[in-house]
Amino acid sequence: MWRDHIRNHPVLAGAAAGFVWGIVARLWMRFISDQPEFSWSGTGFIVGAATIAGTALGLAWLRRSRGGRGWWRLWGLAVLSLGMGAGSIMIPTVIVGAVALGRPWRGWIKAAVLMVALVPQALVLLTDTDHMAVLPRLAGLAIYVVLLGIETAAASIVFRPRIRAVAEDLPVNPPDGAPVSASPSVATS
């Protein structure tokens, strides 16, 4: 049931998901910080940028599903706003991981590219949290990997092949009473 709402309203779903992601990301920052003070303006920027990125990716999903031309991929640039400041360490992983998830590659190639994308992130988090005990450090890493995975999966929308209805998919002489509709096919562009 909720999947139908997401399919029917991808822009709103993207905005809501971005908003929730932004809140969780800000709470995670509070959790891992050795000086857990933060400003309302910083919080507003993070939650706002995540909401805008989610909205833009929802627009990309909508245009992709309706067979739009390639310009819809530009909506993915909104994800770069999440890489401002300390978030810049995430951007290479998000882009490389999104390409791996979005392209129709073989499984082992996707896995290899994703591993290459994730290893530097784990090293940064494990070496940059000396002020934390082992258990909170592992919890911080787990939350970070989930946030990074969600962002990467969402950004992969712009690297997926576009969907278009192809006239060749329509039956030439449908049986009497059979509905005639175009089945979506995936283009390789």
Protein backbone atom coordinates (compact mmCIF):
# COMPACT_ATOMS: atom_id res chain seq x y z
CA MET A 1 0.00 0.00 0.00
CA TRP A 2 2.69 2.51 0.96
CA ARG A 3 4.67 1.51 -2.12
CA ASP A 4 1.78 2.68 -4.29
CA HIS A 5 1.93 6.09 -2.60
CA ILE A 6 5.66 6.29 -3.26
CA ARG A 7 5.19 5.34 -6.91
CA ASN A 8 2.33 7.80 -7.34
CA HIS A 9 4.04 10.67 -5.49
CA PRO A 10 7.82 10.24 -5.90
CA VAL A 11 8.59 13.93 -5.39
CA LEU A 12 6.79 14.07 -2.03
CA ALA A 13 8.28 10.72 -1.03
CA GLY A 14 11.75 11.99 -1.96
CA ALA A 15 11.26 15.19 0.05
CA ALA A 16 10.04 13.26 3.10
CA ALA A 17 12.87 10.74 2.85
CA GLY A 18 15.41 13.54 2.49
CA PHE A 19 13.97 15.33 5.52
CA VAL A 20 14.16 12.19 7.68
CA TRP A 21 17.66 11.40 6.38
CA GLY A 22 18.78 14.92 7.27
CA ILE A 23 17.45 14.63 10.83
CA VAL A 24 19.08 11.24 11.36
CA ALA A 25 22.35 12.52 9.87
CA ARG A 26 22.34 15.49 12.26
CA LEU A 27 21.63 13.23 15.24
CA TRP A 28 24.48 10.98 14.12
CA MET A 29 26.80 14.00 14.00
CA ARG A 30 25.80 14.81 17.56
CA PHE A 31 26.49 11.22 18.60
CA ILE A 32 30.02 11.00 17.18
CA SER A 33 31.18 14.49 18.07
CA ASP A 34 33.64 15.10 20.91
CA GLN A 35 32.11 18.60 21.24
CA PRO A 36 28.40 17.93 20.68
CA GLU A 37 27.35 21.55 20.32
CA PHE A 38 25.76 22.58 17.07
CA SER A 39 23.85 25.58 15.78
CA TRP A 40 20.31 25.84 14.51
CA SER A 41 21.60 27.34 11.28
CA GLY A 42 23.85 24.33 10.68
CA THR A 43 21.01 21.97 11.52
CA GLY A 44 18.70 23.89 9.18
CA PHE A 45 21.24 23.70 6.37
CA ILE A 46 21.76 19.95 6.75
CA VAL A 47 18.07 19.10 7.00
CA GLY A 48 17.20 21.61 4.25
CA ALA A 49 19.90 20.37 1.87
CA ALA A 50 18.83 16.76 2.45
CA THR A 51 15.19 17.68 1.80
CA ILE A 52 16.10 19.51 -1.40
CA ALA A 53 18.29 16.59 -2.54
CA GLY A 54 15.46 14.14 -1.81
CA THR A 55 12.99 16.31 -3.72
CA ALA A 56 15.37 16.57 -6.69
CA LEU A 57 15.92 12.81 -6.74
CA GLY A 58 12.15 12.33 -6.58
CA LEU A 59 11.87 14.58 -9.65
CA ALA A 60 14.58 12.53 -11.37
CA TRP A 61 12.69 9.32 -10.56
CA LEU A 62 9.47 10.83 -11.93
CA ARG A 63 11.09 12.00 -15.18
CA ARG A 64 12.94 8.69 -15.58
CA SER A 65 9.76 6.66 -15.08
CA ARG A 66 7.91 8.76 -17.64
CA GLY A 67 10.61 8.30 -20.25
CA GLY A 68 11.99 11.81 -20.11
CA ARG A 69 15.05 12.83 -22.04
CA GLY A 70 18.46 12.66 -20.37
CA TRP A 71 18.31 16.12 -18.77
CA TRP A 72 16.52 14.60 -15.74
CA ARG A 73 19.91 13.23 -14.65
CA LEU A 74 20.94 16.80 -13.74
CA TRP A 75 18.61 16.62 -10.73
CA GLY A 76 21.27 14.37 -9.19
CA LEU A 77 23.56 17.37 -8.78
CA ALA A 78 21.51 18.34 -5.71
CA VAL A 79 23.21 15.48 -3.86
CA LEU A 80 26.46 17.46 -4.01
CA SER A 81 24.98 19.94 -1.53
CA LEU A 82 25.23 17.18 1.09
CA GLY A 83 28.99 17.20 0.59
CA MET A 84 29.60 20.69 1.93
CA GLY A 85 32.11 21.03 4.75
CA ALA A 86 32.85 17.82 6.62
CA GLY A 87 30.43 15.91 4.38
CA SER A 88 32.87 16.21 1.48
CA ILE A 89 34.47 12.92 2.53
CA MET A 90 31.22 11.18 1.51
CA ILE A 91 30.95 12.50 -2.03
CA PRO A 92 33.48 10.20 -3.77
CA THR A 93 31.87 7.16 -2.16
CA VAL A 94 28.36 8.31 -3.00
CA ILE A 95 29.20 8.98 -6.64
CA VAL A 96 31.22 5.80 -7.23
CA GLY A 97 28.70 3.71 -5.30
CA ALA A 98 25.75 5.29 -7.13
CA VAL A 99 27.34 4.50 -10.49
CA ALA A 100 27.90 0.90 -9.38
CA LEU A 101 24.30 0.50 -8.20
CA GLY A 102 22.75 2.33 -11.11
CA ARG A 103 24.48 0.75 -14.07
CA PRO A 104 23.45 -2.66 -15.40
CA TRP A 105 26.78 -4.32 -14.65
CA ARG A 106 27.46 -7.89 -13.61
CA GLY A 107 27.18 -8.64 -9.92
CA TRP A 108 30.87 -9.16 -9.23
CA ILE A 109 31.76 -5.87 -10.92
CA LYS A 110 29.18 -4.01 -8.82
CA ALA A 111 30.48 -5.68 -5.66
CA ALA A 112 34.09 -4.80 -6.47
CA VAL A 113 33.28 -1.17 -7.21
CA LEU A 114 31.16 -0.88 -4.04
CA MET A 115 33.98 -2.33 -1.92
CA VAL A 116 36.42 0.16 -3.40
CA ALA A 117 33.96 2.93 -2.59
CA LEU A 118 33.35 1.82 1.03
CA VAL A 119 36.84 0.99 2.28
CA PRO A 120 38.07 4.60 2.59
CA GLN A 121 34.93 5.56 4.52
CA ALA A 122 35.42 2.86 7.12
CA LEU A 123 39.08 3.82 7.54
CA VAL A 124 38.23 7.49 8.06
CA LEU A 125 35.57 6.78 10.66
CA LEU A 126 37.63 4.22 12.55
CA THR A 127 40.72 6.42 12.72
CA ASP A 128 38.98 9.75 13.30
CA THR A 129 37.09 8.83 16.48
CA ASP A 130 39.85 8.29 19.02
CA HIS A 131 37.78 10.04 21.68
CA MET A 132 35.15 7.26 21.55
CA ALA A 133 35.15 3.85 23.19
CA VAL A 134 35.03 0.82 20.91
CA LEU A 135 31.30 0.10 21.22
CA PRO A 136 30.12 3.66 20.49
CA ARG A 137 32.65 3.81 17.65
CA LEU A 138 31.17 0.65 16.10
CA ALA A 139 27.64 2.01 16.60
CA GLY A 140 28.71 5.26 14.91
CA LEU A 141 30.19 3.29 12.03
CA ALA A 142 27.02 1.24 11.62
CA ILE A 143 24.80 4.34 11.54
CA TYR A 144 27.20 6.03 9.13
CA VAL A 145 27.21 3.05 6.75
CA VAL A 146 23.40 3.00 6.77
CA LEU A 147 23.21 6.75 6.05
CA LEU A 148 25.84 6.43 3.33
CA GLY A 149 24.05 3.43 1.82
CA ILE A 150 20.73 5.26 1.70
CA GLU A 151 22.32 8.31 0.08
CA THR A 152 24.17 6.14 -2.43
CA ALA A 153 21.08 4.11 -3.34
CA ALA A 154 19.04 7.29 -3.78
CA ALA A 155 21.72 8.92 -5.93
CA SER A 156 21.89 5.81 -8.13
CA ILE A 157 18.59 6.90 -9.70
CA VAL A 158 20.44 9.28 -12.00
CA PHE A 159 22.82 6.57 -13.21
CA ARG A 160 20.13 4.04 -14.07
CA PRO A 161 19.07 3.47 -17.66
CA ARG A 162 16.06 5.52 -18.66
CA ILE A 163 12.70 3.83 -19.11
CA ARG A 164 10.73 4.37 -22.26
CA ALA A 165 7.74 2.82 -23.94
CA VAL A 166 8.76 1.32 -27.25
CA ALA A 167 6.28 1.07 -30.11
CA GLU A 168 7.66 -2.35 -31.01
CA ASP A 169 6.39 -3.66 -27.67
CA LEU A 170 2.78 -3.15 -28.77
CA PRO A 171 1.13 -6.22 -30.24
CA VAL A 172 0.37 -5.93 -33.95
CA ASN A 173 -2.98 -7.72 -33.82
CA PRO A 174 -4.13 -8.11 -30.22
CA PRO A 175 -6.79 -10.78 -29.58
CA ASP A 176 -10.36 -9.52 -29.41
CA GLY A 177 -11.09 -7.86 -26.11
CA ALA A 178 -7.44 -7.76 -25.03
CA PRO A 179 -6.24 -4.37 -23.75
CA VAL A 180 -3.51 -2.72 -25.79
CA SER A 181 -0.82 -1.06 -23.70
CA ALA A 182 2.84 -0.30 -23.99
CA SER A 183 5.04 -2.26 -21.67
CA PRO A 184 7.99 -0.28 -20.35
CA SER A 185 11.37 -1.24 -21.59
CA VAL A 186 14.76 -0.15 -20.40
CA ALA A 187 16.93 1.83 -22.76
CA THR A 188 20.67 1.51 -22.53
CA SER A 189 21.39 5.22 -22.67
